[in-house]
Amino acid sequence: MAEQELPEYLTETDAGLEIELKTPAEIDGANTKKITMREPTVRDQLDVQAVKGSEAHREVTLMANLCGIAPKQVEAMTMRNYRRLQEGLEVFTQ
């Protein structure tokens, strides 16, 4: 199978996937331009299914866990930054 060509703002690393945000996001009090998302495990998928709420809420929770940040920090992101996180997650699930 051929390697998937990634957009220029997604870079595979040993730690997972580095995502360059469109605009800086405030993460733990600092403006951050890049976030690393680790590859999800089956346990991550099972844990997120136990979260109450909508599918969108579960997705935010999953992405926050994979990036090592709080769900509130994902919720505060611009939609363009959030879409980049979604694209990163898709790399691991396709």
PDB file of N, CA and C in Angstrom:
ATOM      1  N   MET A   1       0.842  -1.172   0.000  1.00  0.00           N
ATOM      2  CA  MET A   1       0.000   0.000   0.000  1.00  0.00           C
ATOM      3  C   MET A   1       0.890   1.238   0.000  1.00  0.00           C
ATOM      4  N   ALA A   2       0.538   2.225  -0.801  1.00  0.00           N
ATOM      5  CA  ALA A   2       1.326   3.448  -0.911  1.00  0.00           C
ATOM      6  C   ALA A   2       1.135   4.310   0.338  1.00  0.00           C
ATOM      7  N   GLU A   3       2.198   5.007   0.716  1.00  0.00           N
ATOM      8  CA  GLU A   3       2.133   5.928   1.842  1.00  0.00           C
ATOM      9  C   GLU A   3       1.166   7.063   1.516  1.00  0.00           C
ATOM     10  N   GLN A   4       0.389   7.449   2.491  1.00  0.00           N
ATOM     11  CA  GLN A   4      -0.544   8.553   2.327  1.00  0.00           C
ATOM     12  C   GLN A   4       0.251   9.857   2.315  1.00  0.00           C
ATOM     13  N   GLU A   5      -0.019  10.727   1.336  1.00  0.00           N
ATOM     14  CA  GLU A   5       0.656  12.022   1.286  1.00  0.00           C
ATOM     15  C   GLU A   5      -0.070  12.964   2.244  1.00  0.00           C
ATOM     16  N   LEU A   6       0.695  13.536   3.165  1.00  0.00           N
ATOM     17  CA  LEU A   6       0.118  14.395   4.190  1.00  0.00           C
ATOM     18  C   LEU A   6       0.187  15.858   3.774  1.00  0.00           C
ATOM     19  N   PRO A   7      -0.756  16.670   4.241  1.00  0.00           N
ATOM     20  CA  PRO A   7      -0.643  18.111   4.035  1.00  0.00           C
ATOM     21  C   PRO A   7       0.629  18.621   4.708  1.00  0.00           C
ATOM     22  N   GLU A   8       1.118  19.747   4.260  1.00  0.00           N
ATOM     23  CA  GLU A   8       2.391  20.277   4.784  1.00  0.00           C
ATOM     24  C   GLU A   8       2.354  20.576   6.274  1.00  0.00           C
ATOM     25  N   TYR A   9       1.182  20.741   6.859  1.00  0.00           N
ATOM     26  CA  TYR A   9       1.086  21.062   8.288  1.00  0.00           C
ATOM     27  C   TYR A   9       0.991  19.820   9.177  1.00  0.00           C
ATOM     28  N   LEU A  10       1.058  18.624   8.589  1.00  0.00           N
ATOM     29  CA  LEU A  10       1.091  17.373   9.347  1.00  0.00           C
ATOM     30  C   LEU A  10       2.407  16.661   9.082  1.00  0.00           C
ATOM     31  N   THR A  11       3.128  16.308  10.141  1.00  0.00           N
ATOM     32  CA  THR A  11       4.414  15.640  10.011  1.00  0.00           C
ATOM     33  C   THR A  11       4.450  14.429  10.936  1.00  0.00           C
ATOM     34  N   GLU A  12       4.712  13.249  10.366  1.00  0.00           N
ATOM     35  CA  GLU A  12       4.839  12.048  11.194  1.00  0.00           C
ATOM     36  C   GLU A  12       6.181  12.068  11.914  1.00  0.00           C
ATOM     37  N   THR A  13       6.150  11.720  13.215  1.00  0.00           N
ATOM     38  CA  THR A  13       7.356  11.644  14.027  1.00  0.00           C
ATOM     39  C   THR A  13       7.303  10.338  14.814  1.00  0.00           C
ATOM     40  N   ASP A  14       8.377  10.035  15.533  1.00  0.00           N
ATOM     41  CA  ASP A  14       8.388   8.849  16.389  1.00  0.00           C
ATOM     42  C   ASP A  14       7.339   8.950  17.491  1.00  0.00           C
ATOM     43  N   ALA A  15       7.002  10.172  17.897  1.00  0.00           N
ATOM     44  CA  ALA A  15       6.029  10.384  18.972  1.00  0.00           C
ATOM     45  C   ALA A  15       4.586  10.347  18.471  1.00  0.00           C
ATOM     46  N   GLY A  16       4.391  10.403  17.169  1.00  0.00           N
ATOM     47  CA  GLY A  16       3.042  10.408  16.609  1.00  0.00           C
ATOM     48  C   GLY A  16       2.959  11.310  15.409  1.00  0.00           C
ATOM     49  N   LEU A  17       2.180  12.365  15.522  1.00  0.00           N
ATOM     50  CA  LEU A  17       1.957  13.280  14.417  1.00  0.00           C
ATOM     51  C   LEU A  17       2.074  14.705  14.935  1.00  0.00           C
ATOM     52  N   GLU A  18       2.968  15.477  14.349  1.00  0.00           N
ATOM     53  CA  GLU A  18       3.096  16.878  14.724  1.00  0.00           C
ATOM     54  C   GLU A  18       2.153  17.687  13.851  1.00  0.00           C
ATOM     55  N   ILE A  19       1.322  18.504  14.478  1.00  0.00           N
ATOM     56  CA  ILE A  19       0.320  19.293  13.770  1.00  0.00           C
ATOM     57  C   ILE A  19       0.657  20.766  13.948  1.00  0.00           C
ATOM     58  N   GLU A  20       0.930  21.436  12.831  1.00  0.00           N
ATOM     59  CA  GLU A  20       1.167  22.876  12.870  1.00  0.00           C
ATOM     60  C   GLU A  20      -0.176  23.573  12.763  1.00  0.00           C
ATOM     61  N   LEU A  21      -0.499  24.362  13.760  1.00  0.00           N
ATOM     62  CA  LEU A  21      -1.778  25.052  13.798  1.00  0.00           C
ATOM     63  C   LEU A  21      -1.781  26.247  12.848  1.00  0.00           C
ATOM     64  N   LYS A  22      -2.953  26.615  12.371  1.00  0.00           N
ATOM     65  CA  LYS A  22      -3.087  27.761  11.474  1.00  0.00           C
ATOM     66  C   LYS A  22      -2.751  29.049  12.210  1.00  0.00           C
ATOM     67  N   THR A  23      -3.250  29.155  13.429  1.00  0.00           N
ATOM     68  CA  THR A  23      -2.956  30.297  14.288  1.00  0.00           C
ATOM     69  C   THR A  23      -2.573  29.759  15.662  1.00  0.00           C
ATOM     70  N   PRO A  24      -1.752  30.480  16.413  1.00  0.00           N
ATOM     71  CA  PRO A  24      -1.375  29.987  17.738  1.00  0.00           C
ATOM     72  C   PRO A  24      -2.606  29.780  18.626  1.00  0.00           C
ATOM     73  N   ALA A  25      -2.549  28.737  19.439  1.00  0.00           N
ATOM     74  CA  ALA A  25      -3.609  28.442  20.404  1.00  0.00           C
ATOM     75  C   ALA A  25      -3.013  28.527  21.802  1.00  0.00           C
ATOM     76  N   GLU A  26      -3.807  28.987  22.751  1.00  0.00           N
ATOM     77  CA  GLU A  26      -3.312  29.064  24.122  1.00  0.00           C
ATOM     78  C   GLU A  26      -3.444  27.693  24.780  1.00  0.00           C
ATOM     79  N   ILE A  27      -2.299  27.117  25.096  1.00  0.00           N
ATOM     80  CA  ILE A  27      -2.238  25.807  25.750  1.00  0.00           C
ATOM     81  C   ILE A  27      -1.424  25.972  27.027  1.00  0.00           C
ATOM     82  N   ASP A  28      -2.036  25.713  28.150  1.00  0.00           N
ATOM     83  CA  ASP A  28      -1.379  25.844  29.452  1.00  0.00           C
ATOM     84  C   ASP A  28      -0.716  27.204  29.625  1.00  0.00           C
ATOM     85  N   GLY A  29      -1.411  28.252  29.198  1.00  0.00           N
ATOM     86  CA  GLY A  29      -0.933  29.613  29.394  1.00  0.00           C
ATOM     87  C   GLY A  29       0.085  30.112  28.394  1.00  0.00           C
ATOM     88  N   ALA A  30       0.442  29.303  27.422  1.00  0.00           N
ATOM     89  CA  ALA A  30       1.429  29.722  26.417  1.00  0.00           C
ATOM     90  C   ALA A  30       0.814  29.627  25.024  1.00  0.00           C
ATOM     91  N   ASN A  31       1.175  30.560  24.155  1.00  0.00           N
ATOM     92  CA  ASN A  31       0.746  30.480  22.763  1.00  0.00           C
ATOM     93  C   ASN A  31       1.538  29.387  22.067  1.00  0.00           C
ATOM     94  N   THR A  32       0.842  28.426  21.525  1.00  0.00           N
ATOM     95  CA  THR A  32       1.447  27.248  20.924  1.00  0.00           C
ATOM     96  C   THR A  32       1.099  27.197  19.451  1.00  0.00           C
ATOM     97  N   LYS A  33       2.105  26.928  18.620  1.00  0.00           N
ATOM     98  CA  LYS A  33       1.894  26.842  17.176  1.00  0.00           C
ATOM     99  C   LYS A  33       1.877  25.394  16.698  1.00  0.00           C
ATOM    100  N   LYS A  34       2.441  24.458  17.481  1.00  0.00           N
ATOM    101  CA  LYS A  34       2.482  23.051  17.094  1.00  0.00           C
ATOM    102  C   LYS A  34       2.031  22.175  18.257  1.00  0.00           C
ATOM    103  N   ILE A  35       1.317  21.117  17.907  1.00  0.00           N
ATOM    104  CA  ILE A  35       0.835  20.143  18.888  1.00  0.00           C
ATOM    105  C   ILE A  35       1.192  18.758  18.373  1.00  0.00           C
ATOM    106  N   THR A  36       1.605  17.888  19.279  1.00  0.00           N
ATOM    107  CA  THR A  36       1.870  16.497  18.904  1.00  0.00           C
ATOM    108  C   THR A  36       0.705  15.627  19.337  1.00  0.00           C
ATOM    109  N   MET A  37       0.207  14.835  18.390  1.00  0.00           N
ATOM    110  CA  MET A  37      -0.878  13.898  18.657  1.00  0.00           C
ATOM    111  C   MET A  37      -0.303  12.489  18.577  1.00  0.00           C
ATOM    112  N   ARG A  38      -0.465  11.713  19.653  1.00  0.00           N
ATOM    113  CA  ARG A  38       0.009  10.338  19.614  1.00  0.00           C
ATOM    114  C   ARG A  38      -1.025   9.467  18.918  1.00  0.00           C
ATOM    115  N   GLU A  39      -0.594   8.294  18.474  1.00  0.00           N
ATOM    116  CA  GLU A  39      -1.515   7.371  17.822  1.00  0.00           C
ATOM    117  C   GLU A  39      -2.470   6.784  18.855  1.00  0.00           C
ATOM    118  N   PRO A  40      -3.764   6.744  18.538  1.00  0.00           N
ATOM    119  CA  PRO A  40      -4.716   6.191  19.500  1.00  0.00           C
ATOM    120  C   PRO A  40      -4.571   4.685  19.666  1.00  0.00           C
ATOM    121  N   THR A  41      -4.944   4.232  20.835  1.00  0.00           N
ATOM    122  CA  THR A  41      -4.969   2.791  21.135  1.00  0.00           C
ATOM    123  C   THR A  41      -6.424   2.331  21.186  1.00  0.00           C
ATOM    124  N   VAL A  42      -6.613   1.037  21.223  1.00  0.00           N
ATOM    125  CA  VAL A  42      -7.958   0.495  21.391  1.00  0.00           C
ATOM    126  C   VAL A  42      -8.526   0.985  22.723  1.00  0.00           C
ATOM    127  N   ARG A  43      -7.691   1.043  23.756  1.00  0.00           N
ATOM    128  CA  ARG A  43      -8.131   1.526  25.075  1.00  0.00           C
ATOM    129  C   ARG A  43      -8.670   2.956  24.969  1.00  0.00           C
ATOM    130  N   ASP A  44      -8.006   3.813  24.189  1.00  0.00           N
ATOM    131  CA  ASP A  44      -8.505   5.179  23.992  1.00  0.00           C
ATOM    132  C   ASP A  44      -9.918   5.154  23.414  1.00  0.00           C
ATOM    133  N   GLN A  45     -10.136   4.309  22.432  1.00  0.00           N
ATOM    134  CA  GLN A  45     -11.445   4.207  21.791  1.00  0.00           C
ATOM    135  C   GLN A  45     -12.502   3.714  22.786  1.00  0.00           C
ATOM    136  N   LEU A  46     -12.155   2.723  23.573  1.00  0.00           N
ATOM    137  CA  LEU A  46     -13.093   2.214  24.576  1.00  0.00           C
ATOM    138  C   LEU A  46     -13.405   3.275  25.639  1.00  0.00           C
ATOM    139  N   ASP A  47     -12.368   3.982  26.082  1.00  0.00           N
ATOM    140  CA  ASP A  47     -12.560   5.009  27.105  1.00  0.00           C
ATOM    141  C   ASP A  47     -13.469   6.127  26.608  1.00  0.00           C
ATOM    142  N   VAL A  48     -13.279   6.544  25.372  1.00  0.00           N
ATOM    143  CA  VAL A  48     -14.083   7.655  24.853  1.00  0.00           C
ATOM    144  C   VAL A  48     -15.539   7.233  24.641  1.00  0.00           C
ATOM    145  N   GLN A  49     -15.780   5.957  24.396  1.00  0.00           N
ATOM    146  CA  GLN A  49     -17.164   5.487  24.255  1.00  0.00           C
ATOM    147  C   GLN A  49     -17.923   5.576  25.569  1.00  0.00           C
ATOM    148  N   ALA A  50     -17.201   5.569  26.673  1.00  0.00           N
ATOM    149  CA  ALA A  50     -17.830   5.671  27.988  1.00  0.00           C
ATOM    150  C   ALA A  50     -18.166   7.117  28.366  1.00  0.00           C
ATOM    151  N   VAL A  51     -17.677   8.082  27.597  1.00  0.00           N
ATOM    152  CA  VAL A  51     -17.935   9.496  27.881  1.00  0.00           C
ATOM    153  C   VAL A  51     -19.372   9.825  27.488  1.00  0.00           C
ATOM    154  N   LYS A  52     -20.090  10.469  28.387  1.00  0.00           N
ATOM    155  CA  LYS A  52     -21.464  10.867  28.095  1.00  0.00           C
ATOM    156  C   LYS A  52     -21.450  12.119  27.225  1.00  0.00           C
ATOM    157  N   GLY A  53     -22.429  12.214  26.346  1.00  0.00           N
ATOM    158  CA  GLY A  53     -22.551  13.388  25.499  1.00  0.00           C
ATOM    159  C   GLY A  53     -22.612  13.003  24.037  1.00  0.00           C
ATOM    160  N   SER A  54     -22.532  14.002  23.194  1.00  0.00           N
ATOM    161  CA  SER A  54     -22.649  13.809  21.753  1.00  0.00           C
ATOM    162  C   SER A  54     -21.369  13.220  21.159  1.00  0.00           C
ATOM    163  N   GLU A  55     -21.457  12.802  19.915  1.00  0.00           N
ATOM    164  CA  GLU A  55     -20.267  12.309  19.208  1.00  0.00           C
ATOM    165  C   GLU A  55     -19.210  13.403  19.117  1.00  0.00           C
ATOM    166  N   ALA A  56     -19.648  14.645  18.910  1.00  0.00           N
ATOM    167  CA  ALA A  56     -18.701  15.764  18.840  1.00  0.00           C
ATOM    168  C   ALA A  56     -17.957  15.915  20.163  1.00  0.00           C
ATOM    169  N   HIS A  57     -18.686  15.772  21.265  1.00  0.00           N
ATOM    170  CA  HIS A  57     -18.056  15.865  22.591  1.00  0.00           C
ATOM    171  C   HIS A  57     -17.044  14.731  22.790  1.00  0.00           C
ATOM    172  N   ARG A  58     -17.396  13.541  22.351  1.00  0.00           N
ATOM    173  CA  ARG A  58     -16.469  12.410  22.451  1.00  0.00           C
ATOM    174  C   ARG A  58     -15.221  12.649  21.611  1.00  0.00           C
ATOM    175  N   GLU A  59     -15.404  13.201  20.411  1.00  0.00           N
ATOM    176  CA  GLU A  59     -14.261  13.472  19.547  1.00  0.00           C
ATOM    177  C   GLU A  59     -13.319  14.495  20.178  1.00  0.00           C
ATOM    178  N   VAL A  60     -13.877  15.545  20.758  1.00  0.00           N
ATOM    179  CA  VAL A  60     -13.055  16.553  21.444  1.00  0.00           C
ATOM    180  C   VAL A  60     -12.271  15.897  22.573  1.00  0.00           C
ATOM    181  N   THR A  61     -12.932  15.052  23.349  1.00  0.00           N
ATOM    182  CA  THR A  61     -12.280  14.369  24.465  1.00  0.00           C
ATOM    183  C   THR A  61     -11.156  13.468  23.967  1.00  0.00           C
ATOM    184  N   LEU A  62     -11.404  12.714  22.907  1.00  0.00           N
ATOM    185  CA  LEU A  62     -10.379  11.836  22.346  1.00  0.00           C
ATOM    186  C   LEU A  62      -9.177  12.639  21.863  1.00  0.00           C
ATOM    187  N   MET A  63      -9.424  13.692  21.096  1.00  0.00           N
ATOM    188  CA  MET A  63      -8.307  14.482  20.568  1.00  0.00           C
ATOM    189  C   MET A  63      -7.519  15.145  21.692  1.00  0.00           C
ATOM    190  N   ALA A  64      -8.212  15.626  22.710  1.00  0.00           N
ATOM    191  CA  ALA A  64      -7.512  16.227  23.846  1.00  0.00           C
ATOM    192  C   ALA A  64      -6.604  15.201  24.516  1.00  0.00           C
ATOM    193  N   ASN A  65      -7.122  13.995  24.744  1.00  0.00           N
ATOM    194  CA  ASN A  65      -6.312  12.943  25.373  1.00  0.00           C
ATOM    195  C   ASN A  65      -5.094  12.598  24.522  1.00  0.00           C
ATOM    196  N   LEU A  66      -5.291  12.494  23.218  1.00  0.00           N
ATOM    197  CA  LEU A  66      -4.186  12.124  22.332  1.00  0.00           C
ATOM    198  C   LEU A  66      -3.126  13.217  22.241  1.00  0.00           C
ATOM    199  N   CYS A  67      -3.545  14.462  22.464  1.00  0.00           N
ATOM    200  CA  CYS A  67      -2.604  15.595  22.410  1.00  0.00           C
ATOM    201  C   CYS A  67      -2.071  15.979  23.791  1.00  0.00           C
ATOM    202  N   GLY A  68      -2.567  15.335  24.841  1.00  0.00           N
ATOM    203  CA  GLY A  68      -2.089  15.632  26.188  1.00  0.00           C
ATOM    204  C   GLY A  68      -2.514  16.998  26.697  1.00  0.00           C
ATOM    205  N   ILE A  69      -3.698  17.449  26.269  1.00  0.00           N
ATOM    206  CA  ILE A  69      -4.207  18.741  26.714  1.00  0.00           C
ATOM    207  C   ILE A  69      -5.629  18.550  27.239  1.00  0.00           C
ATOM    208  N   ALA A  70      -6.163  19.572  27.865  1.00  0.00           N
ATOM    209  CA  ALA A  70      -7.517  19.503  28.419  1.00  0.00           C
ATOM    210  C   ALA A  70      -8.554  19.691  27.312  1.00  0.00           C
ATOM    211  N   PRO A  71      -9.696  19.017  27.415  1.00  0.00           N
ATOM    212  CA  PRO A  71     -10.760  19.220  26.430  1.00  0.00           C
ATOM    213  C   PRO A  71     -11.145  20.687  26.261  1.00  0.00           C
ATOM    214  N   LYS A  72     -11.140  21.456  27.332  1.00  0.00           N
ATOM    215  CA  LYS A  72     -11.479  22.891  27.249  1.00  0.00           C
ATOM    216  C   LYS A  72     -10.523  23.633  26.313  1.00  0.00           C
ATOM    217  N   GLN A  73      -9.262  23.181  26.251  1.00  0.00           N
ATOM    218  CA  GLN A  73      -8.301  23.828  25.363  1.00  0.00           C
ATOM    219  C   GLN A  73      -8.621  23.512  23.905  1.00  0.00           C
ATOM    220  N   VAL A  74      -9.098  22.322  23.637  1.00  0.00           N
ATOM    221  CA  VAL A  74      -9.531  21.981  22.277  1.00  0.00           C
ATOM    222  C   VAL A  74     -10.775  22.790  21.940  1.00  0.00           C
ATOM    223  N   GLU A  75     -11.705  22.880  22.872  1.00  0.00           N
ATOM    224  CA  GLU A  75     -12.950  23.617  22.646  1.00  0.00           C
ATOM    225  C   GLU A  75     -12.700  25.088  22.339  1.00  0.00           C
ATOM    226  N   ALA A  76     -11.633  25.659  22.866  1.00  0.00           N
ATOM    227  CA  ALA A  76     -11.326  27.074  22.656  1.00  0.00           C
ATOM    228  C   ALA A  76     -10.617  27.346  21.330  1.00  0.00           C
ATOM    229  N   MET A  77     -10.226  26.304  20.601  1.00  0.00           N
ATOM    230  CA  MET A  77      -9.507  26.483  19.341  1.00  0.00           C
ATOM    231  C   MET A  77     -10.425  27.031  18.252  1.00  0.00           C
ATOM    232  N   THR A  78      -9.814  27.692  17.289  1.00  0.00           N
ATOM    233  CA  THR A  78     -10.567  28.116  16.107  1.00  0.00           C
ATOM    234  C   THR A  78     -10.972  26.876  15.318  1.00  0.00           C
ATOM    235  N   MET A  79     -11.960  27.022  14.499  1.00  0.00           N
ATOM    236  CA  MET A  79     -12.414  25.880  13.690  1.00  0.00           C
ATOM    237  C   MET A  79     -11.328  25.414  12.724  1.00  0.00           C
ATOM    238  N   ARG A  80     -10.525  26.332  12.183  1.00  0.00           N
ATOM    239  CA  ARG A  80      -9.454  25.899  11.276  1.00  0.00           C
ATOM    240  C   ARG A  80      -8.422  25.065  12.020  1.00  0.00           C
ATOM    241  N   ASN A  81      -8.078  25.431  13.241  1.00  0.00           N
ATOM    242  CA  ASN A  81      -7.152  24.618  14.032  1.00  0.00           C
ATOM    243  C   ASN A  81      -7.792  23.280  14.393  1.00  0.00           C
ATOM    244  N   TYR A  82      -9.068  23.310  14.758  1.00  0.00           N
ATOM    245  CA  TYR A  82      -9.762  22.079  15.113  1.00  0.00           C
ATOM    246  C   TYR A  82      -9.806  21.126  13.920  1.00  0.00           C
ATOM    247  N   ARG A  83     -10.030  21.668  12.733  1.00  0.00           N
ATOM    248  CA  ARG A  83     -10.065  20.831  11.529  1.00  0.00           C
ATOM    249  C   ARG A  83      -8.713  20.160  11.306  1.00  0.00           C
ATOM    250  N   ARG A  84      -7.632  20.843  11.622  1.00  0.00           N
ATOM    251  CA  ARG A  84      -6.307  20.231  11.481  1.00  0.00           C
ATOM    252  C   ARG A  84      -6.140  19.067  12.457  1.00  0.00           C
ATOM    253  N   LEU A  85      -6.679  19.201  13.664  1.00  0.00           N
ATOM    254  CA  LEU A  85      -6.644  18.075  14.600  1.00  0.00           C
ATOM    255  C   LEU A  85      -7.476  16.915  14.053  1.00  0.00           C
ATOM    256  N   GLN A  86      -8.629  17.218  13.483  1.00  0.00           N
ATOM    257  CA  GLN A  86      -9.462  16.169  12.893  1.00  0.00           C
ATOM    258  C   GLN A  86      -8.711  15.451  11.764  1.00  0.00           C
ATOM    259  N   GLU A  87      -8.026  16.211  10.932  1.00  0.00           N
ATOM    260  CA  GLU A  87      -7.251  15.598   9.845  1.00  0.00           C
ATOM    261  C   GLU A  87      -6.146  14.725  10.410  1.00  0.00           C
ATOM    262  N   GLY A  88      -5.526  15.151  11.507  1.00  0.00           N
ATOM    263  CA  GLY A  88      -4.501  14.329  12.146  1.00  0.00           C
ATOM    264  C   GLY A  88      -5.073  13.018  12.634  1.00  0.00           C
ATOM    265  N   LEU A  89      -6.229  13.073  13.273  1.00  0.00           N
ATOM    266  CA  LEU A  89      -6.883  11.860  13.760  1.00  0.00           C
ATOM    267  C   LEU A  89      -7.212  10.935  12.597  1.00  0.00           C
ATOM    268  N   GLU A  90      -7.650  11.491  11.481  1.00  0.00           N
ATOM    269  CA  GLU A  90      -7.979  10.695  10.306  1.00  0.00           C
ATOM    270  C   GLU A  90      -6.764   9.930   9.776  1.00  0.00           C
ATOM    271  N   VAL A  91      -5.580  10.499   9.916  1.00  0.00           N
ATOM    272  CA  VAL A  91      -4.352   9.805   9.468  1.00  0.00           C
ATOM    273  C   VAL A  91      -4.230   8.460  10.186  1.00  0.00           C
ATOM    274  N   PHE A  92      -4.581   8.446  11.474  1.00  0.00           N
ATOM    275  CA  PHE A  92      -4.447   7.217  12.275  1.00  0.00           C
ATOM    276  C   PHE A  92      -5.598   6.238  12.062  1.00  0.00           C
ATOM    277  N   THR A  93      -6.704   6.704  11.521  1.00  0.00           N
ATOM    278  CA  THR A  93      -7.883   5.837  11.444  1.00  0.00           C
ATOM    279  C   THR A  93      -8.257   5.428  10.037  1.00  0.00           C
ATOM    280  N   GLN A  94      -7.450   5.749   9.061  1.00  0.00           N
ATOM    281  CA  GLN A  94      -7.744   5.347   7.680  1.00  0.00           C
ATOM    282  C   GLN A  94      -6.891   4.191   7.258  1.00  0.00           C
TER     283      GLN A  94
END
